[in-house]
Structures are given as structure tokens and as C-alpha cells.
Amino acid sequence: PLIVNTSPDKLTLSAGLASLQGQHQTNYPILM
């Protein structure tokens, strides 16, 4: 899903949750 889709409205749960991971810091309670 990350390879073939870049549009947010076409992402699946796994790919969508990956967007919660920040480049420098991740809010782990929100991610969990």
C-alpha cells in the first residue's frame, strides 16, 4: 500500500498508521 498509493484517502490501516511516525519524534501513546 505504501508503494502504490500516496493519496491519503486510498491508504489502508497499516499504511495510515505509519503516517503517525514522525521523522524526529513519534508520539507513541497516539501511535499505540
PDB file of all heavy atoms in Angstrom:
ATOM      1  N   PRO A   1       0.812  -1.236   0.000  1.00  0.00           N
ATOM      2  CA  PRO A   1       0.000   0.000   0.000  1.00  0.00           C
ATOM      3  C   PRO A   1       0.834   1.269   0.000  1.00  0.00           C
ATOM      4  O   PRO A   1       0.434   2.277  -0.605  1.00  0.00           O
ATOM      5  CB  PRO A   1      -0.830  -0.125   1.285  1.00  0.00           C
ATOM      6  CG  PRO A   1      -0.916  -1.581   1.541  1.00  0.00           C
ATOM      7  CD  PRO A   1       0.402  -2.139   1.098  1.00  0.00           C
ATOM      8  N   LEU A   2       1.981   1.250   0.676  1.00  0.00           N
ATOM      9  CA  LEU A   2       2.836   2.436   0.681  1.00  0.00           C
ATOM     10  C   LEU A   2       3.460   2.692  -0.675  1.00  0.00           C
ATOM     11  O   LEU A   2       3.759   3.837  -1.038  1.00  0.00           O
ATOM     12  CB  LEU A   2       3.947   2.284   1.733  1.00  0.00           C
ATOM     13  CG  LEU A   2       3.532   2.430   3.203  1.00  0.00           C
ATOM     14  CD1 LEU A   2       4.722   2.170   4.103  1.00  0.00           C
ATOM     15  CD2 LEU A   2       2.947   3.804   3.468  1.00  0.00           C
ATOM     16  N   ILE A   3       3.653   1.638  -1.466  1.00  0.00           N
ATOM     17  CA  ILE A   3       4.316   1.780  -2.763  1.00  0.00           C
ATOM     18  C   ILE A   3       3.353   2.282  -3.832  1.00  0.00           C
ATOM     19  O   ILE A   3       3.685   3.180  -4.614  1.00  0.00           O
ATOM     20  CB  ILE A   3       4.938   0.430  -3.189  1.00  0.00           C
ATOM     21  CG1 ILE A   3       6.137   0.102  -2.288  1.00  0.00           C
ATOM     22  CG2 ILE A   3       5.378   0.470  -4.658  1.00  0.00           C
ATOM     23  CD1 ILE A   3       6.751  -1.236  -2.560  1.00  0.00           C
ATOM     24  N   VAL A   4       2.156   1.714  -3.894  1.00  0.00           N
ATOM     25  CA  VAL A   4       1.245   2.028  -4.998  1.00  0.00           C
ATOM     26  C   VAL A   4       0.299   3.183  -4.704  1.00  0.00           C
ATOM     27  O   VAL A   4      -0.310   3.727  -5.628  1.00  0.00           O
ATOM     28  CB  VAL A   4       0.418   0.785  -5.402  1.00  0.00           C
ATOM     29  CG1 VAL A   4       1.318  -0.311  -5.921  1.00  0.00           C
ATOM     30  CG2 VAL A   4      -0.412   0.286  -4.229  1.00  0.00           C
ATOM     31  N   ASN A   5       0.168   3.558  -3.429  1.00  0.00           N
ATOM     32  CA  ASN A   5      -0.784   4.617  -3.075  1.00  0.00           C
ATOM     33  C   ASN A   5      -0.089   5.718  -2.283  1.00  0.00           C
ATOM     34  O   ASN A   5       0.611   5.449  -1.312  1.00  0.00           O
ATOM     35  CB  ASN A   5      -1.948   4.051  -2.247  1.00  0.00           C
ATOM     36  CG  ASN A   5      -2.924   3.262  -3.099  1.00  0.00           C
ATOM     37  OD1 ASN A   5      -2.954   3.406  -4.310  1.00  0.00           O
ATOM     38  ND2 ASN A   5      -3.709   2.428  -2.456  1.00  0.00           N
ATOM     39  N   THR A   6      -0.299   6.937  -2.717  1.00  0.00           N
ATOM     40  CA  THR A   6       0.186   8.101  -1.975  1.00  0.00           C
ATOM     41  C   THR A   6      -0.963   8.989  -1.518  1.00  0.00           C
ATOM     42  O   THR A   6      -0.767   9.853  -0.673  1.00  0.00           O
ATOM     43  CB  THR A   6       1.142   8.936  -2.846  1.00  0.00           C
ATOM     44  OG1 THR A   6       0.471   9.320  -4.062  1.00  0.00           O
ATOM     45  CG2 THR A   6       2.400   8.145  -3.193  1.00  0.00           C
ATOM     46  N   SER A   7      -2.141   8.773  -2.067  1.00  0.00           N
ATOM     47  CA  SER A   7      -3.310   9.558  -1.685  1.00  0.00           C
ATOM     48  C   SER A   7      -3.819   9.095  -0.320  1.00  0.00           C
ATOM     49  O   SER A   7      -4.040   7.895  -0.116  1.00  0.00           O
ATOM     50  CB  SER A   7      -4.412   9.410  -2.727  1.00  0.00           C
ATOM     51  OG  SER A   7      -5.579  10.096  -2.339  1.00  0.00           O
ATOM     52  N   PRO A   8      -4.015   9.995   0.649  1.00  0.00           N
ATOM     53  CA  PRO A   8      -4.465   9.595   1.988  1.00  0.00           C
ATOM     54  C   PRO A   8      -5.793   8.845   1.998  1.00  0.00           C
ATOM     55  O   PRO A   8      -6.010   7.983   2.852  1.00  0.00           O
ATOM     56  CB  PRO A   8      -4.571  10.930   2.733  1.00  0.00           C
ATOM     57  CG  PRO A   8      -3.668  11.862   2.001  1.00  0.00           C
ATOM     58  CD  PRO A   8      -3.750  11.442   0.564  1.00  0.00           C
ATOM     59  N   ASP A   9      -6.693   9.161   1.069  1.00  0.00           N
ATOM     60  CA  ASP A   9      -7.999   8.517   1.087  1.00  0.00           C
ATOM     61  C   ASP A   9      -7.977   7.121   0.472  1.00  0.00           C
ATOM     62  O   ASP A   9      -9.007   6.452   0.418  1.00  0.00           O
ATOM     63  CB  ASP A   9      -9.037   9.380   0.361  1.00  0.00           C
ATOM     64  CG  ASP A   9      -8.687   9.592  -1.106  1.00  0.00           C
ATOM     65  OD1 ASP A   9      -7.496   9.464  -1.453  1.00  0.00           O
ATOM     66  OD2 ASP A   9      -9.599   9.884  -1.894  1.00  0.00           O
ATOM     67  N   LYS A  10      -6.797   6.643   0.022  1.00  0.00           N
ATOM     68  CA  LYS A  10      -6.675   5.299  -0.540  1.00  0.00           C
ATOM     69  C   LYS A  10      -5.760   4.407   0.291  1.00  0.00           C
ATOM     70  O   LYS A  10      -5.461   3.286  -0.109  1.00  0.00           O
ATOM     71  CB  LYS A  10      -6.137   5.365  -1.981  1.00  0.00           C
ATOM     72  CG  LYS A  10      -7.014   6.149  -2.940  1.00  0.00           C
ATOM     73  CD  LYS A  10      -8.397   5.536  -3.075  1.00  0.00           C
ATOM     74  CE  LYS A  10      -9.255   6.325  -4.063  1.00  0.00           C
ATOM     75  NZ  LYS A  10     -10.626   5.766  -4.161  1.00  0.00           N
ATOM     76  N   LEU A  11      -5.313   4.900   1.446  1.00  0.00           N
ATOM     77  CA  LEU A  11      -4.422   4.123   2.291  1.00  0.00           C
ATOM     78  C   LEU A  11      -5.208   3.125   3.133  1.00  0.00           C
ATOM     79  O   LEU A  11      -6.381   3.330   3.441  1.00  0.00           O
ATOM     80  CB  LEU A  11      -3.615   5.042   3.207  1.00  0.00           C
ATOM     81  CG  LEU A  11      -2.588   5.966   2.535  1.00  0.00           C
ATOM     82  CD1 LEU A  11      -1.911   6.844   3.573  1.00  0.00           C
ATOM     83  CD2 LEU A  11      -1.548   5.158   1.767  1.00  0.00           C
ATOM     84  N   THR A  12      -4.529   2.052   3.527  1.00  0.00           N
ATOM     85  CA  THR A  12      -5.108   1.078   4.443  1.00  0.00           C
ATOM     86  C   THR A  12      -4.658   1.399   5.872  1.00  0.00           C
ATOM     87  O   THR A  12      -3.888   2.333   6.097  1.00  0.00           O
ATOM     88  CB  THR A  12      -4.680  -0.341   4.068  1.00  0.00           C
ATOM     89  OG1 THR A  12      -3.249  -0.417   4.054  1.00  0.00           O
ATOM     90  CG2 THR A  12      -5.214  -0.718   2.686  1.00  0.00           C
ATOM     91  N   LEU A  13      -5.114   0.604   6.833  1.00  0.00           N
ATOM     92  CA  LEU A  13      -4.814   0.890   8.227  1.00  0.00           C
ATOM     93  C   LEU A  13      -3.315   0.866   8.525  1.00  0.00           C
ATOM     94  O   LEU A  13      -2.786   1.765   9.180  1.00  0.00           O
ATOM     95  CB  LEU A  13      -5.533  -0.116   9.128  1.00  0.00           C
ATOM     96  CG  LEU A  13      -7.015   0.142   9.384  1.00  0.00           C
ATOM     97  CD1 LEU A  13      -7.650  -1.050  10.078  1.00  0.00           C
ATOM     98  CD2 LEU A  13      -7.210   1.393  10.223  1.00  0.00           C
ATOM     99  N   SER A  14      -2.619  -0.156   8.037  1.00  0.00           N
ATOM    100  CA  SER A  14      -1.189  -0.264   8.326  1.00  0.00           C
ATOM    101  C   SER A  14      -0.425   0.915   7.747  1.00  0.00           C
ATOM    102  O   SER A  14       0.426   1.514   8.420  1.00  0.00           O
ATOM    103  CB  SER A  14      -0.641  -1.577   7.761  1.00  0.00           C
ATOM    104  OG  SER A  14      -1.246  -2.687   8.385  1.00  0.00           O
ATOM    105  N   ALA A  15      -0.717   1.257   6.503  1.00  0.00           N
ATOM    106  CA  ALA A  15      -0.038   2.389   5.876  1.00  0.00           C
ATOM    107  C   ALA A  15      -0.450   3.710   6.515  1.00  0.00           C
ATOM    108  O   ALA A  15       0.368   4.619   6.661  1.00  0.00           O
ATOM    109  CB  ALA A  15      -0.346   2.413   4.376  1.00  0.00           C
ATOM    110  N   GLY A  16      -1.711   3.819   6.913  1.00  0.00           N
ATOM    111  CA  GLY A  16      -2.163   5.050   7.549  1.00  0.00           C
ATOM    112  C   GLY A  16      -1.522   5.273   8.910  1.00  0.00           C
ATOM    113  O   GLY A  16      -1.153   6.397   9.259  1.00  0.00           O
ATOM    114  N   LEU A  17      -1.362   4.186   9.672  1.00  0.00           N
ATOM    115  CA  LEU A  17      -0.721   4.312  10.985  1.00  0.00           C
ATOM    116  C   LEU A  17       0.752   4.690  10.853  1.00  0.00           C
ATOM    117  O   LEU A  17       1.309   5.329  11.746  1.00  0.00           O
ATOM    118  CB  LEU A  17      -0.851   3.001  11.761  1.00  0.00           C
ATOM    119  CG  LEU A  17      -2.250   2.635  12.250  1.00  0.00           C
ATOM    120  CD1 LEU A  17      -2.246   1.283  12.926  1.00  0.00           C
ATOM    121  CD2 LEU A  17      -2.776   3.697  13.209  1.00  0.00           C
ATOM    122  N   ALA A  18       1.373   4.297   9.740  1.00  0.00           N
ATOM    123  CA  ALA A  18       2.775   4.666   9.533  1.00  0.00           C
ATOM    124  C   ALA A  18       2.955   6.177   9.443  1.00  0.00           C
ATOM    125  O   ALA A  18       4.037   6.697   9.740  1.00  0.00           O
ATOM    126  CB  ALA A  18       3.310   3.994   8.268  1.00  0.00           C
ATOM    127  N   SER A  19       1.893   6.888   9.047  1.00  0.00           N
ATOM    128  CA  SER A  19       1.980   8.347   8.944  1.00  0.00           C
ATOM    129  C   SER A  19       2.032   9.011  10.320  1.00  0.00           C
ATOM    130  O   SER A  19       2.352  10.198  10.423  1.00  0.00           O
ATOM    131  CB  SER A  19       0.786   8.897   8.164  1.00  0.00           C
ATOM    132  OG  SER A  19      -0.439   8.632   8.840  1.00  0.00           O
ATOM    133  N   LEU A  20       1.731   8.261  11.378  1.00  0.00           N
ATOM    134  CA  LEU A  20       1.811   8.812  12.726  1.00  0.00           C
ATOM    135  C   LEU A  20       3.239   8.844  13.252  1.00  0.00           C
ATOM    136  O   LEU A  20       3.504   9.452  14.288  1.00  0.00           O
ATOM    137  CB  LEU A  20       0.940   7.990  13.692  1.00  0.00           C
ATOM    138  CG  LEU A  20      -0.573   8.073  13.479  1.00  0.00           C
ATOM    139  CD1 LEU A  20      -1.294   7.125  14.424  1.00  0.00           C
ATOM    140  CD2 LEU A  20      -1.075   9.500  13.685  1.00  0.00           C
ATOM    141  N   GLN A  21       4.142   8.160  12.567  1.00  0.00           N
ATOM    142  CA  GLN A  21       5.538   8.157  12.984  1.00  0.00           C
ATOM    143  C   GLN A  21       6.239   9.387  12.416  1.00  0.00           C
ATOM    144  O   GLN A  21       6.302   9.565  11.199  1.00  0.00           O
ATOM    145  CB  GLN A  21       6.247   6.884  12.523  1.00  0.00           C
ATOM    146  CG  GLN A  21       5.743   5.630  13.227  1.00  0.00           C
ATOM    147  CD  GLN A  21       6.507   4.396  12.822  1.00  0.00           C
ATOM    148  OE1 GLN A  21       6.857   4.229  11.656  1.00  0.00           O
ATOM    149  NE2 GLN A  21       6.777   3.519  13.777  1.00  0.00           N
ATOM    150  N   GLY A  22       6.765  10.227  13.295  1.00  0.00           N
ATOM    151  CA  GLY A  22       7.447  11.437  12.863  1.00  0.00           C
ATOM    152  C   GLY A  22       8.884  11.170  12.465  1.00  0.00           C
ATOM    153  O   GLY A  22       9.463  10.122  12.781  1.00  0.00           O
ATOM    154  N   GLN A  23       9.487  12.125  11.765  1.00  0.00           N
ATOM    155  CA  GLN A  23      10.865  11.966  11.321  1.00  0.00           C
ATOM    156  C   GLN A  23      11.841  12.088  12.491  1.00  0.00           C
ATOM    157  O   GLN A  23      12.850  11.384  12.546  1.00  0.00           O
ATOM    158  CB  GLN A  23      11.195  13.014  10.256  1.00  0.00           C
ATOM    159  CG  GLN A  23      12.607  12.892   9.683  1.00  0.00           C
ATOM    160  CD  GLN A  23      12.861  13.895   8.570  1.00  0.00           C
ATOM    161  OE1 GLN A  23      11.976  14.670   8.215  1.00  0.00           O
ATOM    162  NE2 GLN A  23      14.060  13.882   8.014  1.00  0.00           N
ATOM    163  N   HIS A  24      11.555  12.984  13.421  1.00  0.00           N
ATOM    164  CA  HIS A  24      12.453  13.216  14.543  1.00  0.00           C
ATOM    165  C   HIS A  24      11.866  12.730  15.876  1.00  0.00           C
ATOM    166  O   HIS A  24      12.612  12.400  16.788  1.00  0.00           O
ATOM    167  CB  HIS A  24      12.779  14.713  14.663  1.00  0.00           C
ATOM    168  CG  HIS A  24      13.402  15.279  13.419  1.00  0.00           C
ATOM    169  ND1 HIS A  24      14.669  14.957  13.013  1.00  0.00           N
ATOM    170  CD2 HIS A  24      12.910  16.133  12.476  1.00  0.00           C
ATOM    171  CE1 HIS A  24      14.960  15.586  11.883  1.00  0.00           C
ATOM    172  NE2 HIS A  24      13.890  16.310  11.534  1.00  0.00           N
ATOM    173  N   GLN A  25      10.562  12.723  16.000  1.00  0.00           N
ATOM    174  CA  GLN A  25       9.931  12.286  17.240  1.00  0.00           C
ATOM    175  C   GLN A  25       8.577  11.664  16.925  1.00  0.00           C
ATOM    176  O   GLN A  25       7.882  12.103  16.009  1.00  0.00           O
ATOM    177  CB  GLN A  25       9.762  13.450  18.218  1.00  0.00           C
ATOM    178  CG  GLN A  25       9.219  13.034  19.576  1.00  0.00           C
ATOM    179  CD  GLN A  25       9.082  14.214  20.522  1.00  0.00           C
ATOM    180  OE1 GLN A  25       9.097  15.366  20.083  1.00  0.00           O
ATOM    181  NE2 GLN A  25       8.948  13.945  21.810  1.00  0.00           N
ATOM    182  N   THR A  26       8.233  10.625  17.680  1.00  0.00           N
ATOM    183  CA  THR A  26       6.964   9.939  17.498  1.00  0.00           C
ATOM    184  C   THR A  26       6.171   9.981  18.792  1.00  0.00           C
ATOM    185  O   THR A  26       6.717   9.701  19.866  1.00  0.00           O
ATOM    186  CB  THR A  26       7.191   8.470  17.087  1.00  0.00           C
ATOM    187  OG1 THR A  26       7.918   8.423  15.852  1.00  0.00           O
ATOM    188  CG2 THR A  26       5.863   7.752  16.900  1.00  0.00           C
ATOM    189  N   ASN A  27       4.904  10.344  18.681  1.00  0.00           N
ATOM    190  CA  ASN A  27       4.016  10.334  19.838  1.00  0.00           C
ATOM    191  C   ASN A  27       3.517   8.903  20.029  1.00  0.00           C
ATOM    192  O   ASN A  27       2.509   8.494  19.458  1.00  0.00           O
ATOM    193  CB  ASN A  27       2.846  11.303  19.618  1.00  0.00           C
ATOM    194  CG  ASN A  27       2.056  11.542  20.887  1.00  0.00           C
ATOM    195  OD1 ASN A  27       1.924  10.661  21.735  1.00  0.00           O
ATOM    196  ND2 ASN A  27       1.525  12.752  21.039  1.00  0.00           N
ATOM    197  N   TYR A  28       4.242   8.137  20.838  1.00  0.00           N
ATOM    198  CA  TYR A  28       3.947   6.717  20.967  1.00  0.00           C
ATOM    199  C   TYR A  28       2.582   6.422  21.572  1.00  0.00           C
ATOM    200  O   TYR A  28       1.928   5.450  21.154  1.00  0.00           O
ATOM    201  CB  TYR A  28       5.058   6.029  21.769  1.00  0.00           C
ATOM    202  CG  TYR A  28       6.358   5.940  21.015  1.00  0.00           C
ATOM    203  CD1 TYR A  28       7.420   6.781  21.311  1.00  0.00           C
ATOM    204  CD2 TYR A  28       6.515   5.021  19.976  1.00  0.00           C
ATOM    205  CE1 TYR A  28       8.607   6.712  20.605  1.00  0.00           C
ATOM    206  CE2 TYR A  28       7.701   4.952  19.260  1.00  0.00           C
ATOM    207  CZ  TYR A  28       8.743   5.792  19.580  1.00  0.00           C
ATOM    208  OH  TYR A  28       9.912   5.725  18.867  1.00  0.00           O
ATOM    209  N   PRO A  29       2.088   7.169  22.536  1.00  0.00           N
ATOM    210  CA  PRO A  29       0.719   6.891  23.006  1.00  0.00           C
ATOM    211  C   PRO A  29      -0.333   7.016  21.908  1.00  0.00           C
ATOM    212  O   PRO A  29      -1.255   6.196  21.827  1.00  0.00           O
ATOM    213  CB  PRO A  29       0.520   7.955  24.097  1.00  0.00           C
ATOM    214  CG  PRO A  29       1.888   8.227  24.614  1.00  0.00           C
ATOM    215  CD  PRO A  29       2.770   8.150  23.396  1.00  0.00           C
ATOM    216  N   ILE A  30      -0.192   8.022  21.042  1.00  0.00           N
ATOM    217  CA  ILE A  30      -1.139   8.165  19.930  1.00  0.00           C
ATOM    218  C   ILE A  30      -0.987   7.008  18.950  1.00  0.00           C
ATOM    219  O   ILE A  30      -1.974   6.444  18.456  1.00  0.00           O
ATOM    220  CB  ILE A  30      -0.924   9.509  19.210  1.00  0.00           C
ATOM    221  CG1 ILE A  30      -1.092  10.681  20.194  1.00  0.00           C
ATOM    222  CG2 ILE A  30      -1.897   9.653  18.047  1.00  0.00           C
ATOM    223  CD1 ILE A  30      -2.455  10.769  20.819  1.00  0.00           C
ATOM    224  N   LEU A  31       0.271   6.639  18.662  1.00  0.00           N
ATOM    225  CA  LEU A  31       0.517   5.534  17.745  1.00  0.00           C
ATOM    226  C   LEU A  31      -0.038   4.227  18.294  1.00  0.00           C
ATOM    227  O   LEU A  31      -0.643   3.434  17.561  1.00  0.00           O
ATOM    228  CB  LEU A  31       2.018   5.403  17.489  1.00  0.00           C
ATOM    229  CG  LEU A  31       2.467   4.278  16.549  1.00  0.00           C
ATOM    230  CD1 LEU A  31       1.842   4.446  15.168  1.00  0.00           C
ATOM    231  CD2 LEU A  31       3.987   4.238  16.446  1.00  0.00           C
ATOM    232  N   MET A  32       0.158   3.987  19.587  1.00  0.00           N
ATOM    233  CA  MET A  32      -0.368   2.761  20.191  1.00  0.00           C
ATOM    234  C   MET A  32      -1.895   2.771  20.244  1.00  0.00           C
ATOM    235  O   MET A  32      -2.536   1.729  20.096  1.00  0.00           O
ATOM    236  CB  MET A  32       0.201   2.598  21.600  1.00  0.00           C
ATOM    237  CG  MET A  32       1.687   2.299  21.653  1.00  0.00           C
ATOM    238  SD  MET A  32       2.167   0.765  20.816  1.00  0.00           S
ATOM    239  CE  MET A  32       2.855   1.427  19.286  1.00  0.00           C
TER     240      MET A  32
END
